[in-house]
PDB file of N, CA and C in Angstrom:
ATOM      1  N   MET A   1       3.327 -14.651  37.223  1.00  0.00           N
ATOM      2  CA  MET A   1       3.727 -13.547  36.369  1.00  0.00           C
ATOM      3  C   MET A   1       4.175 -12.395  37.277  1.00  0.00           C
ATOM      4  N   SER A   2       5.231 -11.778  36.903  1.00  0.00           N
ATOM      5  CA  SER A   2       5.818 -10.694  37.666  1.00  0.00           C
ATOM      6  C   SER A   2       4.927  -9.453  37.632  1.00  0.00           C
ATOM      7  N   LYS A   3       4.943  -8.707  38.728  1.00  0.00           N
ATOM      8  CA  LYS A   3       4.162  -7.471  38.815  1.00  0.00           C
ATOM      9  C   LYS A   3       4.660  -6.445  37.790  1.00  0.00           C
ATOM     10  N   ASN A   4       5.973  -6.381  37.562  1.00  0.00           N
ATOM     11  CA  ASN A   4       6.527  -5.452  36.580  1.00  0.00           C
ATOM     12  C   ASN A   4       6.059  -5.789  35.170  1.00  0.00           C
ATOM     13  N   LEU A   5       5.923  -7.067  34.860  1.00  0.00           N
ATOM     14  CA  LEU A   5       5.458  -7.473  33.533  1.00  0.00           C
ATOM     15  C   LEU A   5       4.014  -7.036  33.303  1.00  0.00           C
ATOM     16  N   VAL A   6       3.183  -7.189  34.324  1.00  0.00           N
ATOM     17  CA  VAL A   6       1.790  -6.749  34.223  1.00  0.00           C
ATOM     18  C   VAL A   6       1.732  -5.243  34.014  1.00  0.00           C
ATOM     19  N   TYR A   7       2.519  -4.493  34.777  1.00  0.00           N
ATOM     20  CA  TYR A   7       2.562  -3.043  34.605  1.00  0.00           C
ATOM     21  C   TYR A   7       3.051  -2.675  33.209  1.00  0.00           C
ATOM     22  N   PHE A   8       4.056  -3.370  32.734  1.00  0.00           N
ATOM     23  CA  PHE A   8       4.597  -3.078  31.409  1.00  0.00           C
ATOM     24  C   PHE A   8       3.545  -3.322  30.327  1.00  0.00           C
ATOM     25  N   ILE A   9       2.819  -4.415  30.418  1.00  0.00           N
ATOM     26  CA  ILE A   9       1.772  -4.706  29.426  1.00  0.00           C
ATOM     27  C   ILE A   9       0.690  -3.634  29.466  1.00  0.00           C
ATOM     28  N   LEU A  10       0.290  -3.227  30.669  1.00  0.00           N
ATOM     29  CA  LEU A  10      -0.708  -2.157  30.788  1.00  0.00           C
ATOM     30  C   LEU A  10      -0.195  -0.844  30.203  1.00  0.00           C
ATOM     31  N   ILE A  11       1.054  -0.509  30.480  1.00  0.00           N
ATOM     32  CA  ILE A  11       1.652   0.720  29.967  1.00  0.00           C
ATOM     33  C   ILE A  11       1.716   0.680  28.443  1.00  0.00           C
ATOM     34  N   VAL A  12       2.077  -0.462  27.883  1.00  0.00           N
ATOM     35  CA  VAL A  12       2.163  -0.595  26.434  1.00  0.00           C
ATOM     36  C   VAL A  12       0.785  -0.404  25.800  1.00  0.00           C
ATOM     37  N   ILE A  13      -0.231  -1.021  26.356  1.00  0.00           N
ATOM     38  CA  ILE A  13      -1.588  -0.894  25.812  1.00  0.00           C
ATOM     39  C   ILE A  13      -2.083   0.539  25.931  1.00  0.00           C
ATOM     40  N   ILE A  14      -1.913   1.134  27.111  1.00  0.00           N
ATOM     41  CA  ILE A  14      -2.375   2.508  27.325  1.00  0.00           C
ATOM     42  C   ILE A  14      -1.620   3.486  26.428  1.00  0.00           C
ATOM     43  N   GLY A  15      -0.302   3.327  26.328  1.00  0.00           N
ATOM     44  CA  GLY A  15       0.497   4.217  25.484  1.00  0.00           C
ATOM     45  C   GLY A  15       0.117   4.125  24.018  1.00  0.00           C
ATOM     46  N   THR A  16      -0.129   2.921  23.541  1.00  0.00           N
ATOM     47  CA  THR A  16      -0.530   2.737  22.150  1.00  0.00           C
ATOM     48  C   THR A  16      -1.898   3.358  21.895  1.00  0.00           C
ATOM     49  N   LEU A  17      -2.827   3.160  22.821  1.00  0.00           N
ATOM     50  CA  LEU A  17      -4.162   3.746  22.656  1.00  0.00           C
ATOM     51  C   LEU A  17      -4.123   5.276  22.682  1.00  0.00           C
ATOM     52  N   ILE A  18      -3.362   5.836  23.596  1.00  0.00           N
ATOM     53  CA  ILE A  18      -3.237   7.298  23.670  1.00  0.00           C
ATOM     54  C   ILE A  18      -2.592   7.840  22.396  1.00  0.00           C
ATOM     55  N   GLY A  19      -1.536   7.187  21.923  1.00  0.00           N
ATOM     56  CA  GLY A  19      -0.882   7.609  20.691  1.00  0.00           C
ATOM     57  C   GLY A  19      -1.815   7.547  19.496  1.00  0.00           C
ATOM     58  N   ALA A  20      -2.600   6.476  19.389  1.00  0.00           N
ATOM     59  CA  ALA A  20      -3.552   6.346  18.284  1.00  0.00           C
ATOM     60  C   ALA A  20      -4.634   7.423  18.376  1.00  0.00           C
ATOM     61  N   PHE A  21      -5.112   7.702  19.585  1.00  0.00           N
ATOM     62  CA  PHE A  21      -6.122   8.747  19.764  1.00  0.00           C
ATOM     63  C   PHE A  21      -5.585  10.116  19.356  1.00  0.00           C
ATOM     64  N   ILE A  22      -4.370  10.435  19.781  1.00  0.00           N
ATOM     65  CA  ILE A  22      -3.755  11.715  19.413  1.00  0.00           C
ATOM     66  C   ILE A  22      -3.565  11.791  17.899  1.00  0.00           C
ATOM     67  N   GLY A  23      -3.162  10.682  17.285  1.00  0.00           N
ATOM     68  CA  GLY A  23      -3.000  10.638  15.831  1.00  0.00           C
ATOM     69  C   GLY A  23      -4.297  10.913  15.101  1.00  0.00           C
ATOM     70  N   LYS A  24      -5.392  10.330  15.575  1.00  0.00           N
ATOM     71  CA  LYS A  24      -6.702  10.571  14.943  1.00  0.00           C
ATOM     72  C   LYS A  24      -7.125  12.026  15.109  1.00  0.00           C
ATOM     73  N   ALA A  25      -6.848  12.603  16.284  1.00  0.00           N
ATOM     74  CA  ALA A  25      -7.205  14.008  16.519  1.00  0.00           C
ATOM     75  C   ALA A  25      -6.385  14.936  15.621  1.00  0.00           C
ATOM     76  N   ILE A  26      -5.092  14.672  15.505  1.00  0.00           N
ATOM     77  CA  ILE A  26      -4.241  15.497  14.633  1.00  0.00           C
ATOM     78  C   ILE A  26      -4.654  15.327  13.177  1.00  0.00           C
ATOM     79  N   TYR A  27      -5.033  14.115  12.783  1.00  0.00           N
ATOM     80  CA  TYR A  27      -5.465  13.814  11.412  1.00  0.00           C
ATOM     81  C   TYR A  27      -6.624  14.716  10.998  1.00  0.00           C
ATOM     82  N   LYS A  28      -7.551  14.965  11.926  1.00  0.00           N
ATOM     83  CA  LYS A  28      -8.721  15.802  11.630  1.00  0.00           C
ATOM     84  C   LYS A  28      -8.365  17.283  11.463  1.00  0.00           C
ATOM     85  N   LEU A  29      -7.237  17.726  12.007  1.00  0.00           N
ATOM     86  CA  LEU A  29      -6.879  19.145  11.981  1.00  0.00           C
ATOM     87  C   LEU A  29      -6.301  19.618  10.639  1.00  0.00           C
ATOM     88  N   PHE A  30      -5.719  18.716   9.867  1.00  0.00           N
ATOM     89  CA  PHE A  30      -5.029  19.116   8.646  1.00  0.00           C
ATOM     90  C   PHE A  30      -5.951  19.059   7.438  1.00  0.00           C
ATOM     91  N   PRO A  31      -5.684  19.918   6.421  1.00  0.00           N
ATOM     92  CA  PRO A  31      -6.503  19.909   5.209  1.00  0.00           C
ATOM     93  C   PRO A  31      -6.378  18.579   4.452  1.00  0.00           C
ATOM     94  N   GLN A  32      -7.304  18.335   3.546  1.00  0.00           N
ATOM     95  CA  GLN A  32      -7.413  17.069   2.834  1.00  0.00           C
ATOM     96  C   GLN A  32      -6.129  16.665   2.100  1.00  0.00           C
ATOM     97  N   ASP A  33      -5.478  17.567   1.391  1.00  0.00           N
ATOM     98  CA  ASP A  33      -4.308  17.224   0.572  1.00  0.00           C
ATOM     99  C   ASP A  33      -2.980  17.443   1.297  1.00  0.00           C
ATOM    100  N   SER A  34      -2.997  17.443   2.601  1.00  0.00           N
ATOM    101  CA  SER A  34      -1.791  17.706   3.383  1.00  0.00           C
ATOM    102  C   SER A  34      -0.876  16.478   3.428  1.00  0.00           C
ATOM    103  N   THR A  35       0.424  16.732   3.386  1.00  0.00           N
ATOM    104  CA  THR A  35       1.407  15.653   3.491  1.00  0.00           C
ATOM    105  C   THR A  35       1.362  15.019   4.877  1.00  0.00           C
ATOM    106  N   VAL A  36       1.141  15.825   5.895  1.00  0.00           N
ATOM    107  CA  VAL A  36       1.064  15.313   7.263  1.00  0.00           C
ATOM    108  C   VAL A  36      -0.126  14.365   7.381  1.00  0.00           C
ATOM    109  N   LYS A  37      -1.238  14.723   6.763  1.00  0.00           N
ATOM    110  CA  LYS A  37      -2.420  13.877   6.819  1.00  0.00           C
ATOM    111  C   LYS A  37      -2.165  12.538   6.126  1.00  0.00           C
ATOM    112  N   GLU A  38      -1.452  12.563   5.018  1.00  0.00           N
ATOM    113  CA  GLU A  38      -1.100  11.321   4.319  1.00  0.00           C
ATOM    114  C   GLU A  38      -0.173  10.464   5.182  1.00  0.00           C
ATOM    115  N   LEU A  39       0.766  11.093   5.870  1.00  0.00           N
ATOM    116  CA  LEU A  39       1.691  10.367   6.734  1.00  0.00           C
ATOM    117  C   LEU A  39       0.953   9.718   7.909  1.00  0.00           C
ATOM    118  N   LEU A  40       0.010  10.448   8.490  1.00  0.00           N
ATOM    119  CA  LEU A  40      -0.749   9.909   9.615  1.00  0.00           C
ATOM    120  C   LEU A  40      -1.722   8.816   9.198  1.00  0.00           C
ATOM    121  N   ALA A  41      -2.099   8.783   7.936  1.00  0.00           N
ATOM    122  CA  ALA A  41      -3.054   7.783   7.449  1.00  0.00           C
ATOM    123  C   ALA A  41      -2.408   6.421   7.217  1.00  0.00           C
ATOM    124  N   VAL A  42      -1.083   6.368   7.160  1.00  0.00           N
ATOM    125  CA  VAL A  42      -0.390   5.097   6.907  1.00  0.00           C
ATOM    126  C   VAL A  42      -0.504   4.210   8.141  1.00  0.00           C
ATOM    127  N   GLU A  43      -1.005   2.993   7.939  1.00  0.00           N
ATOM    128  CA  GLU A  43      -1.127   2.029   9.027  1.00  0.00           C
ATOM    129  C   GLU A  43      -0.469   0.710   8.630  1.00  0.00           C
ATOM    130  N   ILE A  44       0.113   0.073   9.609  1.00  0.00           N
ATOM    131  CA  ILE A  44       0.661  -1.265   9.429  1.00  0.00           C
ATOM    132  C   ILE A  44      -0.272  -2.205  10.180  1.00  0.00           C
ATOM    133  N   LYS A  45      -0.700  -3.281   9.529  1.00  0.00           N
ATOM    134  CA  LYS A  45      -1.662  -4.189  10.140  1.00  0.00           C
ATOM    135  C   LYS A  45      -1.117  -5.616  10.205  1.00  0.00           C
ATOM    136  N   PRO A  46      -0.176  -5.873  11.119  1.00  0.00           N
ATOM    137  CA  PRO A  46       0.295  -7.251  11.258  1.00  0.00           C
ATOM    138  C   PRO A  46      -0.712  -8.087  12.048  1.00  0.00           C
ATOM    139  N   GLY A  47      -0.757  -9.364  11.776  1.00  0.00           N
ATOM    140  CA  GLY A  47      -1.636 -10.237  12.540  1.00  0.00           C
ATOM    141  C   GLY A  47      -2.183 -11.374  11.717  1.00  0.00           C
ATOM    142  N   LEU A  48      -3.158 -12.040  12.270  1.00  0.00           N
ATOM    143  CA  LEU A  48      -3.816 -13.163  11.626  1.00  0.00           C
ATOM    144  C   LEU A  48      -5.222 -12.763  11.211  1.00  0.00           C
ATOM    145  N   GLN A  49      -5.566 -13.017   9.965  1.00  0.00           N
ATOM    146  CA  GLN A  49      -6.934 -12.767   9.509  1.00  0.00           C
ATOM    147  C   GLN A  49      -7.867 -13.724  10.250  1.00  0.00           C
ATOM    148  N   PRO A  50      -9.118 -13.311  10.486  1.00  0.00           N
ATOM    149  CA  PRO A  50     -10.054 -14.221  11.165  1.00  0.00           C
ATOM    150  C   PRO A  50     -10.202 -15.536  10.386  1.00  0.00           C
ATOM    151  N   THR A  51     -10.063 -16.637  11.095  1.00  0.00           N
ATOM    152  CA  THR A  51     -10.155 -17.962  10.509  1.00  0.00           C
ATOM    153  C   THR A  51     -11.204 -18.753  11.276  1.00  0.00           C
ATOM    154  N   THR A  52     -12.030 -19.487  10.550  1.00  0.00           N
ATOM    155  CA  THR A  52     -13.084 -20.270  11.180  1.00  0.00           C
ATOM    156  C   THR A  52     -12.805 -21.752  11.005  1.00  0.00           C
ATOM    157  N   VAL A  53     -12.942 -22.486  12.089  1.00  0.00           N
ATOM    158  CA  VAL A  53     -12.826 -23.941  12.073  1.00  0.00           C
ATOM    159  C   VAL A  53     -14.190 -24.498  12.466  1.00  0.00           C
ATOM    160  N   ASP A  54     -14.824 -25.232  11.558  1.00  0.00           N
ATOM    161  CA  ASP A  54     -16.154 -25.785  11.800  1.00  0.00           C
ATOM    162  C   ASP A  54     -16.027 -27.285  12.029  1.00  0.00           C
ATOM    163  N   LEU A  55     -16.389 -27.731  13.237  1.00  0.00           N
ATOM    164  CA  LEU A  55     -16.307 -29.144  13.589  1.00  0.00           C
ATOM    165  C   LEU A  55     -17.671 -29.828  13.589  1.00  0.00           C
ATOM    166  N   GLY A  56     -18.639 -29.228  12.968  1.00  0.00           N
ATOM    167  CA  GLY A  56     -19.982 -29.807  12.922  1.00  0.00           C
ATOM    168  C   GLY A  56     -20.842 -29.300  14.062  1.00  0.00           C
ATOM    169  N   ILE A  57     -20.492 -29.676  15.280  1.00  0.00           N
ATOM    170  CA  ILE A  57     -21.282 -29.235  16.432  1.00  0.00           C
ATOM    171  C   ILE A  57     -20.657 -28.046  17.139  1.00  0.00           C
ATOM    172  N   LEU A  58     -19.431 -27.726  16.756  1.00  0.00           N
ATOM    173  CA  LEU A  58     -18.707 -26.638  17.400  1.00  0.00           C
ATOM    174  C   LEU A  58     -17.946 -25.855  16.341  1.00  0.00           C
ATOM    175  N   GLU A  59     -18.027 -24.562  16.428  1.00  0.00           N
ATOM    176  CA  GLU A  59     -17.351 -23.707  15.446  1.00  0.00           C
ATOM    177  C   GLU A  59     -16.491 -22.690  16.178  1.00  0.00           C
ATOM    178  N   PHE A  60     -15.230 -22.608  15.780  1.00  0.00           N
ATOM    179  CA  PHE A  60     -14.288 -21.649  16.366  1.00  0.00           C
ATOM    180  C   PHE A  60     -13.928 -20.604  15.331  1.00  0.00           C
ATOM    181  N   THR A  61     -13.886 -19.353  15.747  1.00  0.00           N
ATOM    182  CA  THR A  61     -13.349 -18.277  14.921  1.00  0.00           C
ATOM    183  C   THR A  61     -12.278 -17.585  15.739  1.00  0.00           C
ATOM    184  N   PHE A  62     -11.090 -17.480  15.185  1.00  0.00           N
ATOM    185  CA  PHE A  62     -10.009 -16.822  15.905  1.00  0.00           C
ATOM    186  C   PHE A  62      -9.152 -16.022  14.935  1.00  0.00           C
ATOM    187  N   GLY A  63      -8.487 -15.042  15.490  1.00  0.00           N
ATOM    188  CA  GLY A  63      -7.613 -14.171  14.716  1.00  0.00           C
ATOM    189  C   GLY A  63      -7.319 -12.925  15.525  1.00  0.00           C
ATOM    190  N   ALA A  64      -6.307 -12.224  15.122  1.00  0.00           N
ATOM    191  CA  ALA A  64      -5.939 -10.989  15.820  1.00  0.00           C
ATOM    192  C   ALA A  64      -5.233 -10.067  14.840  1.00  0.00           C
ATOM    193  N   MET A  65      -5.623  -8.820  14.826  1.00  0.00           N
ATOM    194  CA  MET A  65      -4.991  -7.811  13.978  1.00  0.00           C
ATOM    195  C   MET A  65      -4.587  -6.643  14.873  1.00  0.00           C
ATOM    196  N   VAL A  66      -3.437  -6.092  14.602  1.00  0.00           N
ATOM    197  CA  VAL A  66      -2.953  -4.919  15.321  1.00  0.00           C
ATOM    198  C   VAL A  66      -2.775  -3.814  14.289  1.00  0.00           C
ATOM    199  N   LYS A  67      -3.433  -2.691  14.520  1.00  0.00           N
ATOM    200  CA  LYS A  67      -3.284  -1.543  13.627  1.00  0.00           C
ATOM    201  C   LYS A  67      -2.333  -0.545  14.276  1.00  0.00           C
ATOM    202  N   LEU A  68      -1.200  -0.345  13.654  1.00  0.00           N
ATOM    203  CA  LEU A  68      -0.217   0.596  14.185  1.00  0.00           C
ATOM    204  C   LEU A  68      -0.006   1.728  13.190  1.00  0.00           C
ATOM    205  N   ASN A  69       0.069   2.932  13.715  1.00  0.00           N
ATOM    206  CA  ASN A  69       0.446   4.082  12.893  1.00  0.00           C
ATOM    207  C   ASN A  69       1.583   4.813  13.602  1.00  0.00           C
ATOM    208  N   ILE A  70       2.039   5.873  12.999  1.00  0.00           N
ATOM    209  CA  ILE A  70       3.200   6.604  13.525  1.00  0.00           C
ATOM    210  C   ILE A  70       2.962   7.074  14.962  1.00  0.00           C
ATOM    211  N   THR A  71       1.812   7.674  15.224  1.00  0.00           N
ATOM    212  CA  THR A  71       1.569   8.227  16.555  1.00  0.00           C
ATOM    213  C   THR A  71       1.373   7.133  17.595  1.00  0.00           C
ATOM    214  N   ALA A  72       0.813   5.982  17.204  1.00  0.00           N
ATOM    215  CA  ALA A  72       0.675   4.878  18.148  1.00  0.00           C
ATOM    216  C   ALA A  72       2.052   4.366  18.559  1.00  0.00           C
ATOM    217  N   VAL A  73       2.958   4.270  17.609  1.00  0.00           N
ATOM    218  CA  VAL A  73       4.322   3.822  17.919  1.00  0.00           C
ATOM    219  C   VAL A  73       5.031   4.855  18.789  1.00  0.00           C
ATOM    220  N   LEU A  74       4.849   6.147  18.491  1.00  0.00           N
ATOM    221  CA  LEU A  74       5.450   7.193  19.334  1.00  0.00           C
ATOM    222  C   LEU A  74       4.898   7.144  20.751  1.00  0.00           C
ATOM    223  N   GLY A  75       3.583   6.956  20.887  1.00  0.00           N
ATOM    224  CA  GLY A  75       2.983   6.821  22.214  1.00  0.00           C
ATOM    225  C   GLY A  75       3.526   5.622  22.949  1.00  0.00           C
ATOM    226  N   LEU A  76       3.734   4.530  22.235  1.00  0.00           N
ATOM    227  CA  LEU A  76       4.310   3.322  22.816  1.00  0.00           C
ATOM    228  C   LEU A  76       5.730   3.579  23.318  1.00  0.00           C
ATOM    229  N   ILE A  77       6.545   4.252  22.525  1.00  0.00           N
ATOM    230  CA  ILE A  77       7.925   4.538  22.899  1.00  0.00           C
ATOM    231  C   ILE A  77       7.979   5.470  24.114  1.00  0.00           C
ATOM    232  N   ILE A  78       7.157   6.502  24.101  1.00  0.00           N
ATOM    233  CA  ILE A  78       7.142   7.460  25.212  1.00  0.00           C
ATOM    234  C   ILE A  78       6.711   6.782  26.513  1.00  0.00           C
ATOM    235  N   THR A  79       5.666   5.958  26.452  1.00  0.00           N
ATOM    236  CA  THR A  79       5.231   5.293  27.682  1.00  0.00           C
ATOM    237  C   THR A  79       6.248   4.241  28.143  1.00  0.00           C
ATOM    238  N   ALA A  80       6.954   3.602  27.222  1.00  0.00           N
ATOM    239  CA  ALA A  80       8.004   2.652  27.614  1.00  0.00           C
ATOM    240  C   ALA A  80       9.133   3.382  28.337  1.00  0.00           C
ATOM    241  N   ILE A  81       9.478   4.572  27.858  1.00  0.00           N
ATOM    242  CA  ILE A  81      10.509   5.368  28.530  1.00  0.00           C
ATOM    243  C   ILE A  81      10.042   5.787  29.923  1.00  0.00           C
ATOM    244  N   ILE A  82       8.797   6.231  30.018  1.00  0.00           N
ATOM    245  CA  ILE A  82       8.246   6.617  31.327  1.00  0.00           C
ATOM    246  C   ILE A  82       8.220   5.413  32.260  1.00  0.00           C
ATOM    247  N   PHE A  83       7.815   4.253  31.758  1.00  0.00           N
ATOM    248  CA  PHE A  83       7.802   3.035  32.568  1.00  0.00           C
ATOM    249  C   PHE A  83       9.203   2.716  33.078  1.00  0.00           C
ATOM    250  N   ARG A  84      10.189   2.835  32.200  1.00  0.00           N
ATOM    251  CA  ARG A  84      11.564   2.530  32.600  1.00  0.00           C
ATOM    252  C   ARG A  84      12.057   3.488  33.689  1.00  0.00           C
ATOM    253  N   LYS A  85      11.698   4.785  33.539  1.00  0.00           N
ATOM    254  CA  LYS A  85      12.115   5.763  34.553  1.00  0.00           C
ATOM    255  C   LYS A  85      11.424   5.487  35.903  1.00  0.00           C
ATOM    256  N   LEU A  86      10.162   5.082  35.866  1.00  0.00           N
ATOM    257  CA  LEU A  86       9.428   4.843  37.108  1.00  0.00           C
ATOM    258  C   LEU A  86       9.863   3.564  37.809  1.00  0.00           C
ATOM    259  N   ILE A  87      10.147   2.522  37.057  1.00  0.00           N
ATOM    260  CA  ILE A  87      10.475   1.234  37.653  1.00  0.00           C
ATOM    261  C   ILE A  87      11.954   1.112  37.996  1.00  0.00           C
ATOM    262  N   LEU A  88      12.838   1.613  37.137  1.00  0.00           N
ATOM    263  CA  LEU A  88      14.277   1.433  37.376  1.00  0.00           C
ATOM    264  C   LEU A  88      14.886   2.573  38.116  1.00  0.00           C
TER     265      LEU A  88
END
């Protein structure tokens, strides 16, 4: 695996986490009936629901969900731009 790919994956994860954290912090600042608060509360959850396969002596549970909101996507875009400027 290329070193740039590893850096890109790390940047994507860190950027998404920072964006989600900033979104949660901003969410707490606005009053209950605020339009901004409603916008920040919208999440998209693509992925696989947890599924269990029971083989009698062995049981597997697998699945993955990604929760994305506006600020997580913005954080992702900003860190991708920074990554591109640093690497290219």
